Amino acid sequence: MDEKGKGAWIAAMVLGFIFFWPVGLALLAYMIWSKRMFTGKSCARRGKARMMTTRSTGNSAFDAYKADTLRRLEEEQHNFEAFLERLRDAKDKAEFDQFMDERAKRSDGDTAEA
């Protein structure tokens, strides 16, 4: 099956799960253990892309521009994550305030009936 590629292994695993799940599970374990799923062009590309962001091109102006752009993007990402955190906090506070208001109304209604 190696000459047919990853697709054949994945198809065999899916069929194994469909017809008899232990076979599919065994194939999945074998593919992970033998690293058949994680060796290939896509994994190599990821490692190469990571290396390209830190490697110097030899052009100091471009390297400075790249470093500044990456720093700016990281800062924007940090600001956006902080913004999302503030939104979540505001939503949580609004939901809690609504809960407390409903609880106060229920307890007011209970005391008025008594």
PDB file of N, CA and C in Angstrom:
ATOM      1  N   MET A   1       0.819  -1.203   0.000  1.00  0.00           N
ATOM      2  CA  MET A   1       0.000   0.000   0.000  1.00  0.00           C
ATOM      3  C   MET A   1       0.857   1.260   0.000  1.00  0.00           C
ATOM      4  N   ASP A   2       2.131   1.153   0.370  1.00  0.00           N
ATOM      5  CA  ASP A   2       2.981   2.341   0.425  1.00  0.00           C
ATOM      6  C   ASP A   2       3.099   3.018  -0.936  1.00  0.00           C
ATOM      7  N   GLU A   3       3.136   2.217  -2.014  1.00  0.00           N
ATOM      8  CA  GLU A   3       3.283   2.823  -3.332  1.00  0.00           C
ATOM      9  C   GLU A   3       2.026   3.583  -3.772  1.00  0.00           C
ATOM     10  N   LYS A   4       0.891   3.291  -3.158  1.00  0.00           N
ATOM     11  CA  LYS A   4      -0.352   4.002  -3.490  1.00  0.00           C
ATOM     12  C   LYS A   4      -0.475   5.310  -2.716  1.00  0.00           C
ATOM     13  N   GLY A   5       0.281   5.466  -1.643  1.00  0.00           N
ATOM     14  CA  GLY A   5       0.315   6.726  -0.911  1.00  0.00           C
ATOM     15  C   GLY A   5      -0.583   6.751   0.312  1.00  0.00           C
ATOM     16  N   LYS A   6      -0.667   7.964   0.887  1.00  0.00           N
ATOM     17  CA  LYS A   6      -1.447   8.162   2.115  1.00  0.00           C
ATOM     18  C   LYS A   6      -2.925   7.875   1.906  1.00  0.00           C
ATOM     19  N   GLY A   7      -3.416   8.217   0.727  1.00  0.00           N
ATOM     20  CA  GLY A   7      -4.836   8.015   0.445  1.00  0.00           C
ATOM     21  C   GLY A   7      -5.260   6.570   0.613  1.00  0.00           C
ATOM     22  N   ALA A   8      -4.412   5.641   0.181  1.00  0.00           N
ATOM     23  CA  ALA A   8      -4.730   4.215   0.317  1.00  0.00           C
ATOM     24  C   ALA A   8      -4.768   3.808   1.779  1.00  0.00           C
ATOM     25  N   TRP A   9      -3.832   4.320   2.560  1.00  0.00           N
ATOM     26  CA  TRP A   9      -3.816   4.010   3.991  1.00  0.00           C
ATOM     27  C   TRP A   9      -5.055   4.567   4.679  1.00  0.00           C
ATOM     28  N   ILE A  10      -5.420   5.794   4.324  1.00  0.00           N
ATOM     29  CA  ILE A  10      -6.601   6.412   4.938  1.00  0.00           C
ATOM     30  C   ILE A  10      -7.857   5.655   4.537  1.00  0.00           C
ATOM     31  N   ALA A  11      -7.963   5.289   3.249  1.00  0.00           N
ATOM     32  CA  ALA A  11      -9.130   4.527   2.789  1.00  0.00           C
ATOM     33  C   ALA A  11      -9.216   3.185   3.518  1.00  0.00           C
ATOM     34  N   ALA A  12      -8.079   2.509   3.674  1.00  0.00           N
ATOM     35  CA  ALA A  12      -8.073   1.222   4.385  1.00  0.00           C
ATOM     36  C   ALA A  12      -8.510   1.410   5.831  1.00  0.00           C
ATOM     37  N   MET A  13      -8.043   2.487   6.452  1.00  0.00           N
ATOM     38  CA  MET A  13      -8.422   2.741   7.841  1.00  0.00           C
ATOM     39  C   MET A  13      -9.924   2.998   7.951  1.00  0.00           C
ATOM     40  N   VAL A  14     -10.465   3.838   7.065  1.00  0.00           N
ATOM     41  CA  VAL A  14     -11.908   4.146   7.097  1.00  0.00           C
ATOM     42  C   VAL A  14     -12.719   2.876   6.872  1.00  0.00           C
ATOM     43  N   LEU A  15     -12.328   2.085   5.885  1.00  0.00           N
ATOM     44  CA  LEU A  15     -13.049   0.825   5.636  1.00  0.00           C
ATOM     45  C   LEU A  15     -12.925  -0.115   6.832  1.00  0.00           C
ATOM     46  N   GLY A  16     -11.768  -0.103   7.468  1.00  0.00           N
ATOM     47  CA  GLY A  16     -11.599  -0.920   8.670  1.00  0.00           C
ATOM     48  C   GLY A  16     -12.554  -0.500   9.769  1.00  0.00           C
ATOM     49  N   PHE A  17     -12.718   0.815   9.953  1.00  0.00           N
ATOM     50  CA  PHE A  17     -13.667   1.305  10.956  1.00  0.00           C
ATOM     51  C   PHE A  17     -15.100   0.935  10.579  1.00  0.00           C
ATOM     52  N   ILE A  18     -15.414   1.006   9.294  1.00  0.00           N
ATOM     53  CA  ILE A  18     -16.790   0.704   8.856  1.00  0.00           C
ATOM     54  C   ILE A  18     -17.123  -0.767   9.059  1.00  0.00           C
ATOM     55  N   PHE A  19     -16.232  -1.663   8.628  1.00  0.00           N
ATOM     56  CA  PHE A  19     -16.562  -3.086   8.676  1.00  0.00           C
ATOM     57  C   PHE A  19     -16.262  -3.739  10.012  1.00  0.00           C
ATOM     58  N   PHE A  20     -15.165  -3.384  10.636  1.00  0.00           N
ATOM     59  CA  PHE A  20     -14.816  -3.984  11.922  1.00  0.00           C
ATOM     60  C   PHE A  20     -13.892  -2.998  12.623  1.00  0.00           C
ATOM     61  N   TRP A  21     -14.433  -2.256  13.600  1.00  0.00           N
ATOM     62  CA  TRP A  21     -13.727  -1.122  14.181  1.00  0.00           C
ATOM     63  C   TRP A  21     -12.348  -1.434  14.750  1.00  0.00           C
ATOM     64  N   PRO A  22     -12.083  -2.618  15.309  1.00  0.00           N
ATOM     65  CA  PRO A  22     -10.719  -2.865  15.799  1.00  0.00           C
ATOM     66  C   PRO A  22      -9.667  -2.828  14.677  1.00  0.00           C
ATOM     67  N   VAL A  23     -10.065  -3.227  13.464  1.00  0.00           N
ATOM     68  CA  VAL A  23      -9.123  -3.183  12.342  1.00  0.00           C
ATOM     69  C   VAL A  23      -8.785  -1.731  12.016  1.00  0.00           C
ATOM     70  N   GLY A  24      -9.804  -0.882  11.977  1.00  0.00           N
ATOM     71  CA  GLY A  24      -9.567   0.539  11.717  1.00  0.00           C
ATOM     72  C   GLY A  24      -8.699   1.162  12.786  1.00  0.00           C
ATOM     73  N   LEU A  25      -8.966   0.821  14.020  1.00  0.00           N
ATOM     74  CA  LEU A  25      -8.171   1.341  15.131  1.00  0.00           C
ATOM     75  C   LEU A  25      -6.722   0.855  15.044  1.00  0.00           C
ATOM     76  N   ALA A  26      -6.547  -0.402  14.688  1.00  0.00           N
ATOM     77  CA  ALA A  26      -5.188  -0.943  14.548  1.00  0.00           C
ATOM     78  C   ALA A  26      -4.444  -0.237  13.418  1.00  0.00           C
ATOM     79  N   LEU A  27      -5.120   0.007  12.301  1.00  0.00           N
ATOM     80  CA  LEU A  27      -4.477   0.718  11.195  1.00  0.00           C
ATOM     81  C   LEU A  27      -4.121   2.140  11.588  1.00  0.00           C
ATOM     82  N   LEU A  28      -5.007   2.808  12.301  1.00  0.00           N
ATOM     83  CA  LEU A  28      -4.728   4.165  12.757  1.00  0.00           C
ATOM     84  C   LEU A  28      -3.500   4.179  13.676  1.00  0.00           C
ATOM     85  N   ALA A  29      -3.468   3.259  14.621  1.00  0.00           N
ATOM     86  CA  ALA A  29      -2.324   3.173  15.533  1.00  0.00           C
ATOM     87  C   ALA A  29      -1.040   2.892  14.765  1.00  0.00           C
ATOM     88  N   TYR A  30      -1.109   1.997  13.782  1.00  0.00           N
ATOM     89  CA  TYR A  30       0.079   1.675  12.990  1.00  0.00           C
ATOM     90  C   TYR A  30       0.551   2.895  12.207  1.00  0.00           C
ATOM     91  N   MET A  31      -0.382   3.633  11.605  1.00  0.00           N
ATOM     92  CA  MET A  31       0.002   4.802  10.809  1.00  0.00           C
ATOM     93  C   MET A  31       0.635   5.876  11.686  1.00  0.00           C
ATOM     94  N   ILE A  32       0.120   6.063  12.897  1.00  0.00           N
ATOM     95  CA  ILE A  32       0.709   7.055  13.802  1.00  0.00           C
ATOM     96  C   ILE A  32       2.064   6.562  14.311  1.00  0.00           C
ATOM     97  N   TRP A  33       2.129   5.302  14.722  1.00  0.00           N
ATOM     98  CA  TRP A  33       3.372   4.750  15.264  1.00  0.00           C
ATOM     99  C   TRP A  33       4.485   4.738  14.224  1.00  0.00           C
ATOM    100  N   SER A  34       4.150   4.395  12.974  1.00  0.00           N
ATOM    101  CA  SER A  34       5.178   4.321  11.938  1.00  0.00           C
ATOM    102  C   SER A  34       5.426   5.675  11.283  1.00  0.00           C
ATOM    103  N   LYS A  35       4.707   6.683  11.739  1.00  0.00           N
ATOM    104  CA  LYS A  35       4.844   8.053  11.241  1.00  0.00           C
ATOM    105  C   LYS A  35       4.499   8.174   9.759  1.00  0.00           C
ATOM    106  N   ARG A  36       3.635   7.312   9.272  1.00  0.00           N
ATOM    107  CA  ARG A  36       3.214   7.388   7.875  1.00  0.00           C
ATOM    108  C   ARG A  36       2.347   8.617   7.620  1.00  0.00           C
ATOM    109  N   MET A  37       1.612   9.047   8.629  1.00  0.00           N
ATOM    110  CA  MET A  37       0.709  10.187   8.444  1.00  0.00           C
ATOM    111  C   MET A  37       1.451  11.517   8.500  1.00  0.00           C
ATOM    112  N   PHE A  38       2.603  11.546   9.123  1.00  0.00           N
ATOM    113  CA  PHE A  38       3.256  12.822   9.388  1.00  0.00           C
ATOM    114  C   PHE A  38       4.580  12.981   8.662  1.00  0.00           C
ATOM    115  N   THR A  39       4.773  12.225   7.616  1.00  0.00           N
ATOM    116  CA  THR A  39       5.954  12.425   6.783  1.00  0.00           C
ATOM    117  C   THR A  39       5.469  12.714   5.386  1.00  0.00           C
ATOM    118  N   GLY A  40       5.885  13.809   4.872  1.00  0.00           N
ATOM    119  CA  GLY A  40       5.449  14.153   3.527  1.00  0.00           C
ATOM    120  C   GLY A  40       5.729  15.601   3.226  1.00  0.00           C
ATOM    121  N   LYS A  41       5.243  16.013   2.094  1.00  0.00           N
ATOM    122  CA  LYS A  41       5.533  17.357   1.627  1.00  0.00           C
ATOM    123  C   LYS A  41       4.915  18.431   2.513  1.00  0.00           C
ATOM    124  N   SER A  42       3.691  18.215   2.995  1.00  0.00           N
ATOM    125  CA  SER A  42       3.037  19.259   3.794  1.00  0.00           C
ATOM    126  C   SER A  42       3.780  19.499   5.106  1.00  0.00           C
ATOM    127  N   CYS A  43       4.253  18.436   5.745  1.00  0.00           N
ATOM    128  CA  CYS A  43       5.005  18.591   6.993  1.00  0.00           C
ATOM    129  C   CYS A  43       6.350  19.249   6.732  1.00  0.00           C
ATOM    130  N   ALA A  44       6.980  18.889   5.644  1.00  0.00           N
ATOM    131  CA  ALA A  44       8.264  19.496   5.298  1.00  0.00           C
ATOM    132  C   ALA A  44       8.086  20.976   4.989  1.00  0.00           C
ATOM    133  N   ARG A  45       6.994  21.316   4.320  1.00  0.00           N
ATOM    134  CA  ARG A  45       6.728  22.714   3.992  1.00  0.00           C
ATOM    135  C   ARG A  45       6.543  23.551   5.243  1.00  0.00           C
ATOM    136  N   ARG A  46       5.844  22.992   6.238  1.00  0.00           N
ATOM    137  CA  ARG A  46       5.622  23.728   7.479  1.00  0.00           C
ATOM    138  C   ARG A  46       6.939  24.045   8.167  1.00  0.00           C
ATOM    139  N   GLY A  47       7.821  23.059   8.248  1.00  0.00           N
ATOM    140  CA  GLY A  47       9.116  23.279   8.874  1.00  0.00           C
ATOM    141  C   GLY A  47       9.950  24.274   8.092  1.00  0.00           C
ATOM    142  N   LYS A  48       9.878  24.195   6.774  1.00  0.00           N
ATOM    143  CA  LYS A  48      10.624  25.115   5.923  1.00  0.00           C
ATOM    144  C   LYS A  48      10.091  26.534   6.065  1.00  0.00           C
ATOM    145  N   ALA A  49       8.766  26.696   6.166  1.00  0.00           N
ATOM    146  CA  ALA A  49       8.184  28.031   6.320  1.00  0.00           C
ATOM    147  C   ALA A  49       8.621  28.647   7.635  1.00  0.00           C
ATOM    148  N   ARG A  50       8.687  27.849   8.702  1.00  0.00           N
ATOM    149  CA  ARG A  50       9.143  28.357   9.986  1.00  0.00           C
ATOM    150  C   ARG A  50      10.599  28.815   9.905  1.00  0.00           C
ATOM    151  N   MET A  51      11.395  28.042   9.189  1.00  0.00           N
ATOM    152  CA  MET A  51      12.794  28.379   9.058  1.00  0.00           C
ATOM    153  C   MET A  51      12.959  29.658   8.225  1.00  0.00           C
ATOM    154  N   MET A  52      12.116  29.866   7.233  1.00  0.00           N
ATOM    155  CA  MET A  52      12.224  31.030   6.356  1.00  0.00           C
ATOM    156  C   MET A  52      11.932  32.327   7.107  1.00  0.00           C
ATOM    157  N   THR A  53      11.090  32.301   8.122  1.00  0.00           N
ATOM    158  CA  THR A  53      10.766  33.537   8.837  1.00  0.00           C
ATOM    159  C   THR A  53      11.912  34.001   9.714  1.00  0.00           C
ATOM    160  N   THR A  54      12.798  33.115  10.114  1.00  0.00           N
ATOM    161  CA  THR A  54      13.897  33.507  10.997  1.00  0.00           C
ATOM    162  C   THR A  54      15.219  33.650  10.260  1.00  0.00           C
ATOM    163  N   ARG A  55      15.307  33.136   9.074  1.00  0.00           N
ATOM    164  CA  ARG A  55      16.559  33.158   8.326  1.00  0.00           C
ATOM    165  C   ARG A  55      16.770  34.516   7.669  1.00  0.00           C
ATOM    166  N   SER A  56      17.991  34.983   7.670  1.00  0.00           N
ATOM    167  CA  SER A  56      18.335  36.247   7.042  1.00  0.00           C
ATOM    168  C   SER A  56      18.440  36.073   5.533  1.00  0.00           C
ATOM    169  N   THR A  57      17.961  37.074   4.810  1.00  0.00           N
ATOM    170  CA  THR A  57      18.047  37.020   3.352  1.00  0.00           C
ATOM    171  C   THR A  57      19.348  37.614   2.842  1.00  0.00           C
ATOM    172  N   GLY A  58      20.055  38.335   3.681  1.00  0.00           N
ATOM    173  CA  GLY A  58      21.272  38.997   3.250  1.00  0.00           C
ATOM    174  C   GLY A  58      21.029  40.455   2.882  1.00  0.00           C
ATOM    175  N   ASN A  59      19.780  40.819   2.675  1.00  0.00           N
ATOM    176  CA  ASN A  59      19.414  42.197   2.376  1.00  0.00           C
ATOM    177  C   ASN A  59      18.944  42.832   3.674  1.00  0.00           C
ATOM    178  N   SER A  60      19.753  43.715   4.229  1.00  0.00           N
ATOM    179  CA  SER A  60      19.447  44.258   5.558  1.00  0.00           C
ATOM    180  C   SER A  60      18.171  45.101   5.555  1.00  0.00           C
ATOM    181  N   ALA A  61      17.899  45.808   4.473  1.00  0.00           N
ATOM    182  CA  ALA A  61      16.673  46.620   4.403  1.00  0.00           C
ATOM    183  C   ALA A  61      15.442  45.724   4.429  1.00  0.00           C
ATOM    184  N   PHE A  62      15.479  44.644   3.642  1.00  0.00           N
ATOM    185  CA  PHE A  62      14.341  43.727   3.624  1.00  0.00           C
ATOM    186  C   PHE A  62      14.190  43.013   4.960  1.00  0.00           C
ATOM    187  N   ASP A  63      15.312  42.588   5.550  1.00  0.00           N
ATOM    188  CA  ASP A  63      15.254  41.919   6.851  1.00  0.00           C
ATOM    189  C   ASP A  63      14.662  42.840   7.915  1.00  0.00           C
ATOM    190  N   ALA A  64      15.032  44.128   7.877  1.00  0.00           N
ATOM    191  CA  ALA A  64      14.471  45.085   8.837  1.00  0.00           C
ATOM    192  C   ALA A  64      12.971  45.258   8.594  1.00  0.00           C
ATOM    193  N   TYR A  65      12.578  45.336   7.323  1.00  0.00           N
ATOM    194  CA  TYR A  65      11.154  45.459   6.980  1.00  0.00           C
ATOM    195  C   TYR A  65      10.387  44.230   7.446  1.00  0.00           C
ATOM    196  N   LYS A  66      10.970  43.047   7.193  1.00  0.00           N
ATOM    197  CA  LYS A  66      10.309  41.800   7.596  1.00  0.00           C
ATOM    198  C   LYS A  66      10.171  41.727   9.110  1.00  0.00           C
ATOM    199  N   ALA A  67      11.222  42.075   9.832  1.00  0.00           N
ATOM    200  CA  ALA A  67      11.179  42.033  11.294  1.00  0.00           C
ATOM    201  C   ALA A  67      10.146  43.020  11.829  1.00  0.00           C
ATOM    202  N   ASP A  68      10.091  44.221  11.241  1.00  0.00           N
ATOM    203  CA  ASP A  68       9.115  45.222  11.666  1.00  0.00           C
ATOM    204  C   ASP A  68       7.688  44.756  11.381  1.00  0.00           C
ATOM    205  N   THR A  69       7.490  44.174  10.204  1.00  0.00           N
ATOM    206  CA  THR A  69       6.154  43.679   9.841  1.00  0.00           C
ATOM    207  C   THR A  69       5.729  42.549  10.767  1.00  0.00           C
ATOM    208  N   LEU A  70       6.625  41.613  11.055  1.00  0.00           N
ATOM    209  CA  LEU A  70       6.290  40.509  11.958  1.00  0.00           C
ATOM    210  C   LEU A  70       6.002  41.022  13.365  1.00  0.00           C
ATOM    211  N   ARG A  71       6.782  41.998  13.829  1.00  0.00           N
ATOM    212  CA  ARG A  71       6.545  42.584  15.144  1.00  0.00           C
ATOM    213  C   ARG A  71       5.182  43.272  15.181  1.00  0.00           C
ATOM    214  N   ARG A  72       4.855  44.008  14.104  1.00  0.00           N
ATOM    215  CA  ARG A  72       3.571  44.709  14.030  1.00  0.00           C
ATOM    216  C   ARG A  72       2.414  43.710  14.015  1.00  0.00           C
ATOM    217  N   LEU A  73       2.567  42.635  13.251  1.00  0.00           N
ATOM    218  CA  LEU A  73       1.511  41.617  13.192  1.00  0.00           C
ATOM    219  C   LEU A  73       1.320  40.930  14.550  1.00  0.00           C
ATOM    220  N   GLU A  74       2.422  40.654  15.239  1.00  0.00           N
ATOM    221  CA  GLU A  74       2.308  40.052  16.572  1.00  0.00           C
ATOM    222  C   GLU A  74       1.624  41.006  17.537  1.00  0.00           C
ATOM    223  N   GLU A  75       1.933  42.288  17.425  1.00  0.00           N
ATOM    224  CA  GLU A  75       1.283  43.293  18.272  1.00  0.00           C
ATOM    225  C   GLU A  75      -0.211  43.380  17.964  1.00  0.00           C
ATOM    226  N   GLU A  76      -0.560  43.369  16.664  1.00  0.00           N
ATOM    227  CA  GLU A  76      -1.977  43.387  16.286  1.00  0.00           C
ATOM    228  C   GLU A  76      -2.690  42.144  16.792  1.00  0.00           C
ATOM    229  N   GLN A  77      -2.023  40.991  16.708  1.00  0.00           N
ATOM    230  CA  GLN A  77      -2.630  39.766  17.218  1.00  0.00           C
ATOM    231  C   GLN A  77      -2.861  39.873  18.719  1.00  0.00           C
ATOM    232  N   HIS A  78      -1.886  40.394  19.442  1.00  0.00           N
ATOM    233  CA  HIS A  78      -2.026  40.565  20.883  1.00  0.00           C
ATOM    234  C   HIS A  78      -3.177  41.516  21.198  1.00  0.00           C
ATOM    235  N   ASN A  79      -3.259  42.648  20.474  1.00  0.00           N
ATOM    236  CA  ASN A  79      -4.345  43.608  20.688  1.00  0.00           C
ATOM    237  C   ASN A  79      -5.699  42.986  20.388  1.00  0.00           C
ATOM    238  N   PHE A  80      -5.777  42.195  19.314  1.00  0.00           N
ATOM    239  CA  PHE A  80      -7.043  41.556  18.958  1.00  0.00           C
ATOM    240  C   PHE A  80      -7.450  40.543  20.021  1.00  0.00           C
ATOM    241  N   GLU A  81      -6.487  39.756  20.517  1.00  0.00           N
ATOM    242  CA  GLU A  81      -6.800  38.784  21.573  1.00  0.00           C
ATOM    243  C   GLU A  81      -7.259  39.495  22.841  1.00  0.00           C
ATOM    244  N   ALA A  82      -6.634  40.644  23.152  1.00  0.00           N
ATOM    245  CA  ALA A  82      -7.064  41.422  24.318  1.00  0.00           C
ATOM    246  C   ALA A  82      -8.472  41.956  24.107  1.00  0.00           C
ATOM    247  N   PHE A  83      -8.775  42.404  22.881  1.00  0.00           N
ATOM    248  CA  PHE A  83     -10.113  42.883  22.549  1.00  0.00           C
ATOM    249  C   PHE A  83     -11.145  41.771  22.722  1.00  0.00           C
ATOM    250  N   LEU A  84     -10.823  40.579  22.216  1.00  0.00           N
ATOM    251  CA  LEU A  84     -11.746  39.449  22.369  1.00  0.00           C
ATOM    252  C   LEU A  84     -11.957  39.109  23.836  1.00  0.00           C
ATOM    253  N   GLU A  85     -10.903  39.181  24.630  1.00  0.00           N
ATOM    254  CA  GLU A  85     -11.020  38.912  26.068  1.00  0.00           C
ATOM    255  C   GLU A  85     -11.936  39.934  26.730  1.00  0.00           C
ATOM    256  N   ARG A  86     -11.790  41.218  26.354  1.00  0.00           N
ATOM    257  CA  ARG A  86     -12.680  42.247  26.909  1.00  0.00           C
ATOM    258  C   ARG A  86     -14.123  41.993  26.495  1.00  0.00           C
ATOM    259  N   LEU A  87     -14.339  41.576  25.242  1.00  0.00           N
ATOM    260  CA  LEU A  87     -15.696  41.255  24.797  1.00  0.00           C
ATOM    261  C   LEU A  87     -16.282  40.099  25.609  1.00  0.00           C
ATOM    262  N   ARG A  88     -15.486  39.063  25.819  1.00  0.00           N
ATOM    263  CA  ARG A  88     -15.962  37.920  26.616  1.00  0.00           C
ATOM    264  C   ARG A  88     -16.287  38.349  28.040  1.00  0.00           C
ATOM    265  N   ASP A  89     -15.417  39.182  28.625  1.00  0.00           N
ATOM    266  CA  ASP A  89     -15.664  39.663  29.987  1.00  0.00           C
ATOM    267  C   ASP A  89     -16.946  40.488  30.050  1.00  0.00           C
ATOM    268  N   ALA A  90     -17.149  41.366  29.049  1.00  0.00           N
ATOM    269  CA  ALA A  90     -18.360  42.194  29.026  1.00  0.00           C
ATOM    270  C   ALA A  90     -19.603  41.322  28.864  1.00  0.00           C
ATOM    271  N   LYS A  91     -19.521  40.308  28.007  1.00  0.00           N
ATOM    272  CA  LYS A  91     -20.659  39.405  27.808  1.00  0.00           C
ATOM    273  C   LYS A  91     -20.951  38.644  29.098  1.00  0.00           C
ATOM    274  N   ASP A  92     -19.888  38.129  29.752  1.00  0.00           N
ATOM    275  CA  ASP A  92     -20.070  37.408  31.010  1.00  0.00           C
ATOM    276  C   ASP A  92     -20.704  38.314  32.062  1.00  0.00           C
ATOM    277  N   LYS A  93     -20.241  39.567  32.141  1.00  0.00           N
ATOM    278  CA  LYS A  93     -20.790  40.498  33.123  1.00  0.00           C
ATOM    279  C   LYS A  93     -22.252  40.789  32.824  1.00  0.00           C
ATOM    280  N   ALA A  94     -22.587  40.997  31.543  1.00  0.00           N
ATOM    281  CA  ALA A  94     -23.974  41.274  31.171  1.00  0.00           C
ATOM    282  C   ALA A  94     -24.868  40.084  31.515  1.00  0.00           C
ATOM    283  N   GLU A  95     -24.403  38.862  31.231  1.00  0.00           N
ATOM    284  CA  GLU A  95     -25.189  37.674  31.557  1.00  0.00           C
ATOM    285  C   GLU A  95     -25.353  37.523  33.067  1.00  0.00           C
ATOM    286  N   PHE A  96     -24.299  37.799  33.817  1.00  0.00           N
ATOM    287  CA  PHE A  96     -24.382  37.705  35.273  1.00  0.00           C
ATOM    288  C   PHE A  96     -25.338  38.757  35.826  1.00  0.00           C
ATOM    289  N   ASP A  97     -25.243  39.987  35.306  1.00  0.00           N
ATOM    290  CA  ASP A  97     -26.153  41.046  35.748  1.00  0.00           C
ATOM    291  C   ASP A  97     -27.603  40.689  35.440  1.00  0.00           C
ATOM    292  N   GLN A  98     -27.838  40.107  34.253  1.00  0.00           N
ATOM    293  CA  GLN A  98     -29.190  39.686  33.897  1.00  0.00           C
ATOM    294  C   GLN A  98     -29.684  38.605  34.859  1.00  0.00           C
ATOM    295  N   PHE A  99     -28.826  37.651  35.187  1.00  0.00           N
ATOM    296  CA  PHE A  99     -29.184  36.600  36.130  1.00  0.00           C
ATOM    297  C   PHE A  99     -29.545  37.190  37.495  1.00  0.00           C
ATOM    298  N   MET A 100     -28.712  38.119  37.973  1.00  0.00           N
ATOM    299  CA  MET A 100     -28.967  38.729  39.279  1.00  0.00           C
ATOM    300  C   MET A 100     -30.271  39.533  39.268  1.00  0.00           C
ATOM    301  N   ASP A 101     -30.554  40.247  38.162  1.00  0.00           N
ATOM    302  CA  ASP A 101     -31.806  40.997  38.055  1.00  0.00           C
ATOM    303  C   ASP A 101     -33.005  40.054  38.087  1.00  0.00           C
ATOM    304  N   GLU A 102     -32.928  38.950  37.327  1.00  0.00           N
ATOM    305  CA  GLU A 102     -34.025  37.979  37.325  1.00  0.00           C
ATOM    306  C   GLU A 102     -34.199  37.342  38.693  1.00  0.00           C
ATOM    307  N   ARG A 103     -33.093  37.061  39.348  1.00  0.00           N
ATOM    308  CA  ARG A 103     -33.150  36.472  40.687  1.00  0.00           C
ATOM    309  C   ARG A 103     -33.782  37.449  41.674  1.00  0.00           C
ATOM    310  N   ALA A 104     -33.409  38.728  41.571  1.00  0.00           N
ATOM    311  CA  ALA A 104     -33.987  39.740  42.461  1.00  0.00           C
ATOM    312  C   ALA A 104     -35.486  39.887  42.201  1.00  0.00           C
ATOM    313  N   LYS A 105     -35.895  39.839  40.945  1.00  0.00           N
ATOM    314  CA  LYS A 105     -37.326  39.935  40.618  1.00  0.00           C
ATOM    315  C   LYS A 105     -38.088  38.744  41.172  1.00  0.00           C
ATOM    316  N   ARG A 106     -37.478  37.537  41.065  1.00  0.00           N
ATOM    317  CA  ARG A 106     -38.139  36.349  41.603  1.00  0.00           C
ATOM    318  C   ARG A 106     -38.266  36.435  43.117  1.00  0.00           C
ATOM    319  N   SER A 107     -37.207  36.883  43.769  1.00  0.00           N
ATOM    320  CA  SER A 107     -37.275  36.964  45.227  1.00  0.00           C
ATOM    321  C   SER A 107     -38.220  38.073  45.653  1.00  0.00           C
ATOM    322  N   ASP A 108     -38.343  39.167  44.899  1.00  0.00           N
ATOM    323  CA  ASP A 108     -39.322  40.208  45.195  1.00  0.00           C
ATOM    324  C   ASP A 108     -40.741  39.688  45.018  1.00  0.00           C
ATOM    325  N   GLY A 109     -40.921  38.863  43.961  1.00  0.00           N
ATOM    326  CA  GLY A 109     -42.230  38.278  43.716  1.00  0.00           C
ATOM    327  C   GLY A 109     -42.623  37.285  44.798  1.00  0.00           C
ATOM    328  N   ASP A 110     -41.644  36.549  45.319  1.00  0.00           N
ATOM    329  CA  ASP A 110     -41.896  35.584  46.376  1.00  0.00           C
ATOM    330  C   ASP A 110     -42.267  36.283  47.675  1.00  0.00           C
ATOM    331  N   THR A 111     -41.603  37.391  47.999  1.00  0.00           N
ATOM    332  CA  THR A 111     -41.908  38.106  49.234  1.00  0.00           C
ATOM    333  C   THR A 111     -43.227  38.844  49.130  1.00  0.00           C
ATOM    334  N   ALA A 112     -43.598  39.286  47.932  1.00  0.00           N
ATOM    335  CA  ALA A 112     -44.871  40.000  47.758  1.00  0.00           C
ATOM    336  C   ALA A 112     -46.043  39.037  47.921  1.00  0.00           C
ATOM    337  N   GLU A 113     -45.861  37.769  47.524  1.00  0.00           N
ATOM    338  CA  GLU A 113     -46.937  36.785  47.641  1.00  0.00           C
ATOM    339  C   GLU A 113     -47.122  36.333  49.079  1.00  0.00           C
ATOM    340  N   ALA A 114     -46.091  36.403  49.876  1.00  0.00           N
ATOM    341  CA  ALA A 114     -46.172  35.896  51.242  1.00  0.00           C
ATOM    342  C   ALA A 114     -46.831  36.860  52.165  1.00  0.00           C
TER     343      ALA A 114
END
